[in-house]
Amino acid sequence: MTIKTTLIADILLLEPTVYYDERGYFMESFNEREFEALQKVKFVQDNESMSKKGVLRGLHFQRPPHAQAKLVRVISGSVFDVAVDLRLSSPTYGNYFGHVLSDKNKLQLYIPAGFAHGFLSLEDNTIVNYKCSDYYYKDAEDSILWNDEQLGIEWAVTNPVLAFKDQNAQKFSAFKSPFK
């Protein structure tokens, strides 16, 4: 597995080694020894969603003490995956990193705690799987408006399909970060 740094500290792009032959392919989607060499994180929950083309999920996060690191990959289809830095002490506070993850490129995105996360489904029947470092706690969930002008995320869509909570998420300017 090749682990690449990004323009935002602590966000990592993982490219697994894929072995192809006449039967198909094989790859390790996660190897704790390789990953822990870079990040001390323990994953405790796996989540999976299926989305139609044009569905946007996010920008979600959990507040401390239940903040979650995530390792995101696409099983089928493709997404534009985004992480927004919510860490007050970070020089990239309020900046985002976005990248296309797909079943073809098999890339994975590691997002540490202290980031909001969201993705736009680029194909019908896109399946996203992600590991989380803490369990889901409804009382800790929060979100930021996906199209907030201050963030300037280039989603390449103007009218995505959104859940009610994502339509009514808070603006970044009103957000009071609990992350140091």
N, C-alpha and C. Protein backbone atom coordinates (compact mmCIF):
# COMPACT_ATOMS: atom_id res chain seq x y z
N MET A 1 0.84 -1.17 0.00
CA MET A 1 0.00 0.00 0.00
C MET A 1 0.89 1.24 0.00
N THR A 2 0.53 2.20 -0.82
CA THR A 2 1.23 3.47 -0.85
C THR A 2 0.38 4.49 -0.10
N ILE A 3 1.00 5.18 0.85
CA ILE A 3 0.29 6.18 1.63
C ILE A 3 0.88 7.54 1.27
N LYS A 4 -0.01 8.43 0.78
CA LYS A 4 0.43 9.76 0.31
C LYS A 4 -0.14 10.84 1.22
N THR A 5 0.67 11.86 1.48
CA THR A 5 0.19 13.02 2.22
C THR A 5 -0.57 13.94 1.26
N THR A 6 -1.36 14.85 1.82
CA THR A 6 -2.13 15.80 1.02
C THR A 6 -1.77 17.22 1.46
N LEU A 7 -2.42 18.20 0.87
CA LEU A 7 -2.16 19.59 1.20
C LEU A 7 -2.66 19.98 2.59
N ILE A 8 -3.50 19.14 3.18
CA ILE A 8 -3.96 19.38 4.55
C ILE A 8 -3.32 18.33 5.45
N ALA A 9 -2.60 18.81 6.46
CA ALA A 9 -1.87 17.91 7.36
C ALA A 9 -2.82 16.87 7.96
N ASP A 10 -2.36 15.67 8.00
CA ASP A 10 -3.02 14.52 8.63
C ASP A 10 -4.05 13.83 7.74
N ILE A 11 -4.50 14.45 6.66
CA ILE A 11 -5.37 13.73 5.71
C ILE A 11 -4.45 12.93 4.80
N LEU A 12 -4.75 11.64 4.67
CA LEU A 12 -3.92 10.75 3.88
C LEU A 12 -4.72 10.11 2.76
N LEU A 13 -4.08 9.93 1.63
CA LEU A 13 -4.67 9.22 0.49
C LEU A 13 -3.94 7.88 0.39
N LEU A 14 -4.70 6.80 0.47
CA LEU A 14 -4.11 5.46 0.46
C LEU A 14 -4.41 4.78 -0.86
N GLU A 15 -3.36 4.23 -1.45
CA GLU A 15 -3.50 3.49 -2.70
C GLU A 15 -3.05 2.05 -2.45
N PRO A 16 -4.00 1.13 -2.40
CA PRO A 16 -3.64 -0.26 -2.13
C PRO A 16 -2.92 -0.89 -3.32
N THR A 17 -2.13 -1.88 -3.03
CA THR A 17 -1.53 -2.68 -4.09
C THR A 17 -2.58 -3.68 -4.56
N VAL A 18 -2.87 -3.67 -5.85
CA VAL A 18 -3.91 -4.52 -6.41
C VAL A 18 -3.25 -5.54 -7.34
N TYR A 19 -3.58 -6.80 -7.13
CA TYR A 19 -3.04 -7.90 -7.94
C TYR A 19 -4.14 -8.40 -8.88
N TYR A 20 -3.94 -8.17 -10.16
CA TYR A 20 -4.92 -8.58 -11.18
C TYR A 20 -4.44 -9.86 -11.86
N ASP A 21 -5.38 -10.72 -12.20
CA ASP A 21 -5.10 -11.85 -13.08
C ASP A 21 -6.39 -12.20 -13.83
N GLU A 22 -6.39 -13.33 -14.53
CA GLU A 22 -7.55 -13.69 -15.35
C GLU A 22 -8.82 -13.92 -14.53
N ARG A 23 -8.69 -14.14 -13.23
CA ARG A 23 -9.84 -14.37 -12.37
C ARG A 23 -10.48 -13.07 -11.87
N GLY A 24 -9.70 -11.99 -11.88
CA GLY A 24 -10.16 -10.73 -11.33
C GLY A 24 -9.03 -10.02 -10.62
N TYR A 25 -9.24 -9.68 -9.35
CA TYR A 25 -8.18 -9.02 -8.59
C TYR A 25 -8.25 -9.41 -7.11
N PHE A 26 -7.15 -9.09 -6.42
CA PHE A 26 -7.06 -9.24 -4.97
C PHE A 26 -6.33 -8.02 -4.44
N MET A 27 -6.78 -7.53 -3.26
CA MET A 27 -6.09 -6.44 -2.59
C MET A 27 -6.40 -6.50 -1.10
N GLU A 28 -5.49 -5.97 -0.31
CA GLU A 28 -5.76 -5.74 1.10
C GLU A 28 -6.39 -4.36 1.20
N SER A 29 -7.63 -4.28 1.66
CA SER A 29 -8.27 -2.97 1.79
C SER A 29 -7.86 -2.28 3.10
N PHE A 30 -7.36 -3.05 4.06
CA PHE A 30 -6.89 -2.48 5.31
C PHE A 30 -5.88 -3.42 5.93
N ASN A 31 -4.78 -2.86 6.41
CA ASN A 31 -3.76 -3.62 7.10
C ASN A 31 -3.33 -2.77 8.30
N GLU A 32 -3.71 -3.19 9.49
CA GLU A 32 -3.49 -2.39 10.69
C GLU A 32 -2.01 -2.09 10.93
N ARG A 33 -1.12 -3.05 10.67
CA ARG A 33 0.30 -2.81 10.89
C ARG A 33 0.82 -1.66 10.03
N GLU A 34 0.47 -1.67 8.74
CA GLU A 34 0.93 -0.61 7.85
C GLU A 34 0.34 0.74 8.24
N PHE A 35 -0.94 0.75 8.56
CA PHE A 35 -1.62 1.99 8.85
C PHE A 35 -1.18 2.58 10.19
N GLU A 36 -1.04 1.77 11.19
CA GLU A 36 -0.66 2.28 12.52
C GLU A 36 0.75 2.85 12.54
N ALA A 37 1.57 2.51 11.57
CA ALA A 37 2.90 3.10 11.51
C ALA A 37 2.80 4.61 11.31
N LEU A 38 1.72 5.08 10.71
CA LEU A 38 1.53 6.51 10.47
C LEU A 38 0.54 7.16 11.42
N GLN A 39 -0.51 6.47 11.79
CA GLN A 39 -1.57 7.05 12.62
C GLN A 39 -1.91 6.08 13.75
N LYS A 40 -1.96 6.59 14.94
CA LYS A 40 -2.39 5.78 16.09
C LYS A 40 -3.90 5.90 16.22
N VAL A 41 -4.61 5.00 15.57
CA VAL A 41 -6.07 5.05 15.59
C VAL A 41 -6.60 3.62 15.63
N LYS A 42 -7.68 3.44 16.35
CA LYS A 42 -8.34 2.14 16.41
C LYS A 42 -9.74 2.32 15.84
N PHE A 43 -10.07 1.54 14.84
CA PHE A 43 -11.41 1.61 14.25
C PHE A 43 -12.34 0.65 14.98
N VAL A 44 -13.55 1.12 15.29
CA VAL A 44 -14.49 0.33 16.09
C VAL A 44 -15.82 0.07 15.38
N GLN A 45 -16.06 0.75 14.26
CA GLN A 45 -17.35 0.61 13.57
C GLN A 45 -17.15 0.79 12.07
N ASP A 46 -17.81 -0.04 11.28
CA ASP A 46 -17.84 0.12 9.83
C ASP A 46 -19.24 0.55 9.41
N ASN A 47 -19.31 1.52 8.51
CA ASN A 47 -20.58 2.00 7.97
C ASN A 47 -20.57 1.82 6.46
N GLU A 48 -21.75 1.63 5.90
CA GLU A 48 -21.87 1.50 4.45
C GLU A 48 -23.14 2.19 4.00
N SER A 49 -23.05 2.90 2.87
CA SER A 49 -24.23 3.53 2.29
C SER A 49 -24.25 3.26 0.80
N MET A 50 -25.47 3.25 0.25
CA MET A 50 -25.66 3.16 -1.19
C MET A 50 -26.41 4.41 -1.60
N SER A 51 -25.94 5.06 -2.67
CA SER A 51 -26.55 6.31 -3.11
C SER A 51 -26.77 6.31 -4.61
N LYS A 52 -27.82 7.01 -5.01
CA LYS A 52 -28.08 7.27 -6.42
C LYS A 52 -27.17 8.41 -6.88
N LYS A 53 -27.02 8.55 -8.17
CA LYS A 53 -26.24 9.65 -8.73
C LYS A 53 -26.87 10.97 -8.29
N GLY A 54 -26.02 11.91 -7.84
CA GLY A 54 -26.49 13.22 -7.44
C GLY A 54 -26.84 13.36 -5.98
N VAL A 55 -26.73 12.27 -5.21
CA VAL A 55 -26.97 12.35 -3.77
C VAL A 55 -25.72 12.92 -3.09
N LEU A 56 -25.94 13.90 -2.23
CA LEU A 56 -24.84 14.47 -1.46
C LEU A 56 -25.12 14.21 0.02
N ARG A 57 -24.15 13.62 0.69
CA ARG A 57 -24.26 13.31 2.12
C ARG A 57 -23.18 14.12 2.84
N GLY A 58 -23.60 15.02 3.72
CA GLY A 58 -22.61 15.78 4.47
C GLY A 58 -22.95 17.25 4.51
N LEU A 59 -22.15 17.92 5.16
CA LEU A 59 -20.84 17.70 5.75
C LEU A 59 -21.03 17.34 7.23
N HIS A 60 -20.75 16.11 7.59
CA HIS A 60 -21.06 15.56 8.92
C HIS A 60 -19.80 15.42 9.77
N PHE A 61 -20.02 15.49 11.09
CA PHE A 61 -18.97 15.19 12.06
C PHE A 61 -19.63 14.92 13.40
N GLN A 62 -18.87 14.36 14.32
CA GLN A 62 -19.32 14.18 15.70
C GLN A 62 -18.45 15.05 16.60
N ARG A 63 -19.09 15.71 17.55
CA ARG A 63 -18.39 16.57 18.49
C ARG A 63 -17.66 15.72 19.55
N PRO A 64 -16.55 16.25 20.09
CA PRO A 64 -15.89 15.56 21.19
C PRO A 64 -16.84 15.39 22.36
N PRO A 65 -16.73 14.37 23.14
CA PRO A 65 -15.64 13.40 23.15
C PRO A 65 -15.84 12.23 22.19
N HIS A 66 -16.77 12.36 21.26
CA HIS A 66 -17.07 11.26 20.33
C HIS A 66 -16.66 11.57 18.89
N ALA A 67 -15.68 12.45 18.74
CA ALA A 67 -15.19 12.77 17.39
C ALA A 67 -14.67 11.51 16.73
N GLN A 68 -14.83 11.44 15.42
CA GLN A 68 -14.47 10.22 14.68
C GLN A 68 -13.41 10.49 13.62
N ALA A 69 -12.40 9.65 13.59
CA ALA A 69 -11.54 9.55 12.41
C ALA A 69 -12.24 8.56 11.49
N LYS A 70 -12.02 8.71 10.17
CA LYS A 70 -12.67 7.82 9.21
C LYS A 70 -11.67 7.37 8.16
N LEU A 71 -11.88 6.16 7.68
CA LEU A 71 -11.14 5.63 6.53
C LEU A 71 -12.20 5.25 5.50
N VAL A 72 -12.25 6.01 4.40
CA VAL A 72 -13.34 5.94 3.44
C VAL A 72 -12.87 5.27 2.16
N ARG A 73 -13.72 4.36 1.63
CA ARG A 73 -13.45 3.76 0.32
C ARG A 73 -14.75 3.49 -0.40
N VAL A 74 -14.66 3.36 -1.71
CA VAL A 74 -15.83 3.11 -2.54
C VAL A 74 -15.77 1.67 -3.03
N ILE A 75 -16.84 0.93 -2.78
CA ILE A 75 -16.94 -0.47 -3.19
C ILE A 75 -17.43 -0.56 -4.64
N SER A 76 -18.38 0.30 -4.99
CA SER A 76 -18.97 0.30 -6.32
C SER A 76 -19.34 1.73 -6.70
N GLY A 77 -19.02 2.14 -7.93
CA GLY A 77 -19.34 3.49 -8.38
C GLY A 77 -18.24 4.48 -8.06
N SER A 78 -18.64 5.75 -7.85
CA SER A 78 -17.64 6.79 -7.57
C SER A 78 -18.27 7.95 -6.82
N VAL A 79 -17.44 8.64 -6.06
CA VAL A 79 -17.85 9.82 -5.31
C VAL A 79 -16.78 10.90 -5.40
N PHE A 80 -17.22 12.13 -5.21
CA PHE A 80 -16.29 13.21 -4.91
C PHE A 80 -16.33 13.33 -3.40
N ASP A 81 -15.24 12.97 -2.73
CA ASP A 81 -15.17 12.89 -1.28
C ASP A 81 -14.48 14.14 -0.74
N VAL A 82 -15.03 14.72 0.33
CA VAL A 82 -14.54 15.99 0.85
C VAL A 82 -14.36 15.93 2.36
N ALA A 83 -13.27 16.52 2.83
CA ALA A 83 -13.02 16.70 4.26
C ALA A 83 -12.69 18.17 4.51
N VAL A 84 -13.35 18.77 5.52
CA VAL A 84 -13.14 20.17 5.88
C VAL A 84 -12.48 20.23 7.24
N ASP A 85 -11.37 20.96 7.32
CA ASP A 85 -10.60 21.09 8.57
C ASP A 85 -11.35 21.98 9.55
N LEU A 86 -11.71 21.42 10.71
CA LEU A 86 -12.42 22.15 11.77
C LEU A 86 -11.54 22.42 12.99
N ARG A 87 -10.25 22.14 12.88
CA ARG A 87 -9.34 22.29 14.01
C ARG A 87 -8.88 23.74 14.12
N LEU A 88 -9.26 24.40 15.20
CA LEU A 88 -8.97 25.83 15.38
C LEU A 88 -7.49 26.16 15.29
N SER A 89 -6.63 25.31 15.80
CA SER A 89 -5.19 25.60 15.81
C SER A 89 -4.50 25.25 14.48
N SER A 90 -5.23 24.72 13.54
CA SER A 90 -4.64 24.30 12.28
C SER A 90 -4.47 25.47 11.31
N PRO A 91 -3.34 25.53 10.63
CA PRO A 91 -3.16 26.59 9.61
C PRO A 91 -4.11 26.42 8.42
N THR A 92 -4.75 25.25 8.31
CA THR A 92 -5.70 25.01 7.22
C THR A 92 -7.14 24.99 7.72
N TYR A 93 -7.39 25.60 8.89
CA TYR A 93 -8.75 25.68 9.44
C TYR A 93 -9.68 26.28 8.38
N GLY A 94 -10.81 25.60 8.13
CA GLY A 94 -11.79 26.08 7.16
C GLY A 94 -11.49 25.70 5.72
N ASN A 95 -10.33 25.09 5.49
CA ASN A 95 -9.99 24.62 4.13
C ASN A 95 -10.51 23.21 3.94
N TYR A 96 -10.65 22.82 2.67
CA TYR A 96 -11.13 21.47 2.39
C TYR A 96 -10.16 20.75 1.45
N PHE A 97 -10.23 19.44 1.53
CA PHE A 97 -9.54 18.57 0.59
C PHE A 97 -10.61 17.72 -0.07
N GLY A 98 -10.59 17.64 -1.39
CA GLY A 98 -11.54 16.81 -2.11
C GLY A 98 -10.84 15.94 -3.13
N HIS A 99 -11.35 14.74 -3.31
CA HIS A 99 -10.74 13.80 -4.26
C HIS A 99 -11.79 12.80 -4.73
N VAL A 100 -11.67 12.35 -5.95
CA VAL A 100 -12.58 11.32 -6.46
C VAL A 100 -12.08 9.96 -5.99
N LEU A 101 -12.98 9.22 -5.34
CA LEU A 101 -12.73 7.84 -4.94
C LEU A 101 -13.67 6.98 -5.76
N SER A 102 -13.17 5.84 -6.25
CA SER A 102 -14.03 5.00 -7.09
C SER A 102 -13.65 3.54 -6.96
N ASP A 103 -14.54 2.69 -7.49
CA ASP A 103 -14.23 1.26 -7.52
C ASP A 103 -13.11 0.97 -8.51
N LYS A 104 -12.87 1.89 -9.42
CA LYS A 104 -11.79 1.69 -10.40
C LYS A 104 -10.43 2.09 -9.85
N ASN A 105 -10.34 3.27 -9.21
CA ASN A 105 -9.02 3.69 -8.71
C ASN A 105 -8.70 3.09 -7.33
N LYS A 106 -9.71 2.59 -6.63
CA LYS A 106 -9.55 1.90 -5.34
C LYS A 106 -8.84 2.73 -4.27
N LEU A 107 -8.77 4.04 -4.47
CA LEU A 107 -8.16 4.92 -3.48
C LEU A 107 -9.02 4.99 -2.23
N GLN A 108 -8.36 5.25 -1.10
CA GLN A 108 -9.05 5.42 0.17
C GLN A 108 -8.58 6.73 0.78
N LEU A 109 -9.45 7.35 1.55
CA LEU A 109 -9.11 8.61 2.19
C LEU A 109 -9.18 8.44 3.70
N TYR A 110 -8.08 8.78 4.38
CA TYR A 110 -8.07 8.80 5.83
C TYR A 110 -8.33 10.22 6.29
N ILE A 111 -9.36 10.38 7.10
CA ILE A 111 -9.76 11.69 7.62
C ILE A 111 -9.67 11.62 9.14
N PRO A 112 -8.77 12.39 9.76
CA PRO A 112 -8.67 12.33 11.22
C PRO A 112 -9.85 13.00 11.90
N ALA A 113 -9.98 12.78 13.20
CA ALA A 113 -10.98 13.49 13.99
C ALA A 113 -10.68 14.98 13.89
N GLY A 114 -11.75 15.78 13.92
CA GLY A 114 -11.57 17.23 13.80
C GLY A 114 -11.87 17.74 12.40
N PHE A 115 -12.49 16.90 11.59
CA PHE A 115 -12.87 17.26 10.22
C PHE A 115 -14.34 16.95 10.00
N ALA A 116 -14.99 17.77 9.18
CA ALA A 116 -16.32 17.44 8.68
C ALA A 116 -16.11 16.64 7.40
N HIS A 117 -17.02 15.71 7.12
CA HIS A 117 -16.88 14.82 5.97
C HIS A 117 -18.17 14.79 5.17
N GLY A 118 -18.02 14.74 3.86
CA GLY A 118 -19.17 14.59 2.99
C GLY A 118 -18.76 14.03 1.65
N PHE A 119 -19.75 13.56 0.89
CA PHE A 119 -19.43 13.08 -0.46
C PHE A 119 -20.63 13.23 -1.37
N LEU A 120 -20.32 13.40 -2.66
CA LEU A 120 -21.31 13.49 -3.72
C LEU A 120 -21.20 12.23 -4.57
N SER A 121 -22.30 11.51 -4.72
CA SER A 121 -22.31 10.31 -5.54
C SER A 121 -22.31 10.71 -7.02
N LEU A 122 -21.35 10.18 -7.77
CA LEU A 122 -21.19 10.52 -9.18
C LEU A 122 -21.85 9.50 -10.11
N GLU A 123 -22.32 8.38 -9.54
CA GLU A 123 -22.94 7.32 -10.33
C GLU A 123 -24.10 6.72 -9.53
N ASP A 124 -25.04 6.13 -10.24
CA ASP A 124 -26.10 5.38 -9.56
C ASP A 124 -25.51 4.18 -8.86
N ASN A 125 -26.17 3.78 -7.79
CA ASN A 125 -25.79 2.59 -7.02
C ASN A 125 -24.36 2.63 -6.51
N THR A 126 -23.91 3.80 -6.11
CA THR A 126 -22.58 3.93 -5.54
C THR A 126 -22.60 3.46 -4.09
N ILE A 127 -21.68 2.58 -3.76
CA ILE A 127 -21.59 2.04 -2.40
C ILE A 127 -20.30 2.54 -1.76
N VAL A 128 -20.47 3.23 -0.63
CA VAL A 128 -19.34 3.77 0.14
C VAL A 128 -19.26 3.02 1.45
N ASN A 129 -18.05 2.63 1.82
CA ASN A 129 -17.80 1.95 3.08
C ASN A 129 -16.76 2.77 3.84
N TYR A 130 -17.01 2.99 5.14
CA TYR A 130 -15.99 3.70 5.90
C TYR A 130 -15.91 3.20 7.33
N LYS A 131 -14.68 3.12 7.78
CA LYS A 131 -14.37 2.73 9.15
C LYS A 131 -14.39 3.98 10.02
N CYS A 132 -14.85 3.85 11.26
CA CYS A 132 -14.90 4.98 12.21
C CYS A 132 -14.15 4.62 13.48
N SER A 133 -13.52 5.62 14.07
CA SER A 133 -12.73 5.39 15.29
C SER A 133 -13.56 5.53 16.57
N ASP A 134 -14.81 5.92 16.46
CA ASP A 134 -15.71 5.95 17.61
C ASP A 134 -17.10 5.54 17.11
N TYR A 135 -17.92 5.14 18.04
CA TYR A 135 -19.28 4.73 17.70
C TYR A 135 -20.14 5.94 17.38
N TYR A 136 -21.25 5.71 16.72
CA TYR A 136 -22.20 6.77 16.43
C TYR A 136 -22.94 7.15 17.70
N TYR A 137 -22.99 8.44 17.99
CA TYR A 137 -23.75 8.98 19.11
C TYR A 137 -24.63 10.11 18.57
N LYS A 138 -25.91 9.91 18.57
CA LYS A 138 -26.85 10.90 18.04
C LYS A 138 -26.66 12.26 18.70
N ASP A 139 -26.45 12.29 20.00
CA ASP A 139 -26.29 13.56 20.71
C ASP A 139 -25.01 14.30 20.33
N ALA A 140 -24.07 13.62 19.70
CA ALA A 140 -22.80 14.25 19.31
C ALA A 140 -22.77 14.64 17.83
N GLU A 141 -23.78 14.22 17.06
CA GLU A 141 -23.73 14.50 15.62
C GLU A 141 -23.98 15.97 15.33
N ASP A 142 -23.35 16.45 14.27
CA ASP A 142 -23.49 17.84 13.84
C ASP A 142 -23.16 17.90 12.35
N SER A 143 -23.46 19.06 11.75
CA SER A 143 -23.15 19.20 10.32
C SER A 143 -23.01 20.67 9.95
N ILE A 144 -22.32 20.89 8.86
CA ILE A 144 -22.11 22.21 8.27
C ILE A 144 -22.71 22.19 6.88
N LEU A 145 -23.29 23.31 6.47
CA LEU A 145 -23.95 23.41 5.19
C LEU A 145 -23.01 23.08 4.04
N TRP A 146 -23.44 22.15 3.21
CA TRP A 146 -22.61 21.59 2.12
C TRP A 146 -22.15 22.66 1.14
N ASN A 147 -22.96 23.69 0.89
CA ASN A 147 -22.61 24.68 -0.14
C ASN A 147 -22.29 26.04 0.45
N ASP A 148 -21.82 26.09 1.68
CA ASP A 148 -21.46 27.34 2.32
C ASP A 148 -20.42 28.07 1.47
N GLU A 149 -20.72 29.32 1.15
CA GLU A 149 -19.83 30.10 0.28
C GLU A 149 -18.44 30.29 0.89
N GLN A 150 -18.38 30.39 2.19
CA GLN A 150 -17.10 30.60 2.87
C GLN A 150 -16.15 29.42 2.65
N LEU A 151 -16.69 28.21 2.53
CA LEU A 151 -15.85 27.03 2.30
C LEU A 151 -15.42 26.92 0.84
N GLY A 152 -16.29 27.31 -0.07
CA GLY A 152 -15.95 27.32 -1.50
C GLY A 152 -15.71 25.95 -2.11
N ILE A 153 -16.42 24.95 -1.64
CA ILE A 153 -16.23 23.60 -2.17
C ILE A 153 -16.81 23.52 -3.59
N GLU A 154 -16.03 23.00 -4.49
CA GLU A 154 -16.44 22.87 -5.89
C GLU A 154 -17.05 21.49 -6.11
N TRP A 155 -18.35 21.39 -5.86
CA TRP A 155 -19.06 20.11 -5.92
C TRP A 155 -19.42 19.69 -7.33
N ALA A 156 -19.43 20.58 -8.30
CA ALA A 156 -19.80 20.27 -9.69
C ALA A 156 -21.26 19.87 -9.81
N VAL A 157 -22.10 20.35 -8.89
CA VAL A 157 -23.53 20.13 -8.95
C VAL A 157 -24.19 21.28 -8.18
N THR A 158 -25.35 21.72 -8.67
CA THR A 158 -26.02 22.83 -8.00
C THR A 158 -27.26 22.39 -7.22
N ASN A 159 -27.88 21.30 -7.64
CA ASN A 159 -29.08 20.81 -6.97
C ASN A 159 -28.96 19.33 -6.60
N PRO A 160 -28.12 19.01 -5.64
CA PRO A 160 -28.00 17.61 -5.26
C PRO A 160 -29.22 17.13 -4.49
N VAL A 161 -29.36 15.84 -4.38
CA VAL A 161 -30.39 15.24 -3.54
C VAL A 161 -29.83 15.23 -2.11
N LEU A 162 -30.58 15.86 -1.18
CA LEU A 162 -30.09 16.05 0.18
C LEU A 162 -31.09 15.53 1.20
N ALA A 163 -30.59 15.05 2.32
CA ALA A 163 -31.44 14.75 3.47
C ALA A 163 -31.87 16.08 4.10
N PHE A 164 -32.97 16.05 4.82
CA PHE A 164 -33.48 17.25 5.47
C PHE A 164 -32.41 17.90 6.35
N LYS A 165 -31.70 17.08 7.13
CA LYS A 165 -30.69 17.65 8.05
C LYS A 165 -29.56 18.32 7.29
N ASP A 166 -29.24 17.84 6.09
CA ASP A 166 -28.18 18.46 5.30
C ASP A 166 -28.65 19.75 4.65
N GLN A 167 -29.92 19.84 4.32
CA GLN A 167 -30.48 21.08 3.77
C GLN A 167 -30.47 22.19 4.81
N ASN A 168 -30.58 21.82 6.08
CA ASN A 168 -30.72 22.79 7.17
C ASN A 168 -29.51 22.85 8.09
N ALA A 169 -28.37 22.43 7.61
CA ALA A 169 -27.16 22.46 8.43
C ALA A 169 -26.72 23.90 8.67
N GLN A 170 -25.88 24.08 9.68
CA GLN A 170 -25.42 25.42 10.04
C GLN A 170 -24.39 25.95 9.04
N LYS A 171 -24.36 27.26 8.92
CA LYS A 171 -23.34 27.91 8.09
C LYS A 171 -22.01 27.87 8.84
N PHE A 172 -20.94 27.88 8.08
CA PHE A 172 -19.61 27.83 8.69
C PHE A 172 -19.36 29.07 9.55
N SER A 173 -19.87 30.21 9.14
CA SER A 173 -19.66 31.46 9.90
C SER A 173 -20.32 31.40 11.29
N ALA A 174 -21.36 30.57 11.44
CA ALA A 174 -22.04 30.42 12.73
C ALA A 174 -21.46 29.28 13.56
N PHE A 175 -20.59 28.51 12.97
CA PHE A 175 -20.02 27.32 13.60
C PHE A 175 -19.02 27.70 14.68
N LYS A 176 -19.15 27.10 15.84
CA LYS A 176 -18.21 27.28 16.96
C LYS A 176 -17.47 25.95 17.12
N SER A 177 -16.26 25.91 16.67
CA SER A 177 -15.52 24.64 16.65
C SER A 177 -15.17 24.15 18.05
N PRO A 178 -15.48 22.87 18.32
CA PRO A 178 -15.08 22.26 19.59
C PRO A 178 -13.70 21.60 19.48
N PHE A 179 -13.05 21.72 18.32
CA PHE A 179 -11.78 21.06 18.07
C PHE A 179 -10.63 22.05 18.25
N LYS A 180 -9.66 21.68 19.02
CA LYS A 180 -8.52 22.57 19.30
C LYS A 180 -7.55 22.65 18.15
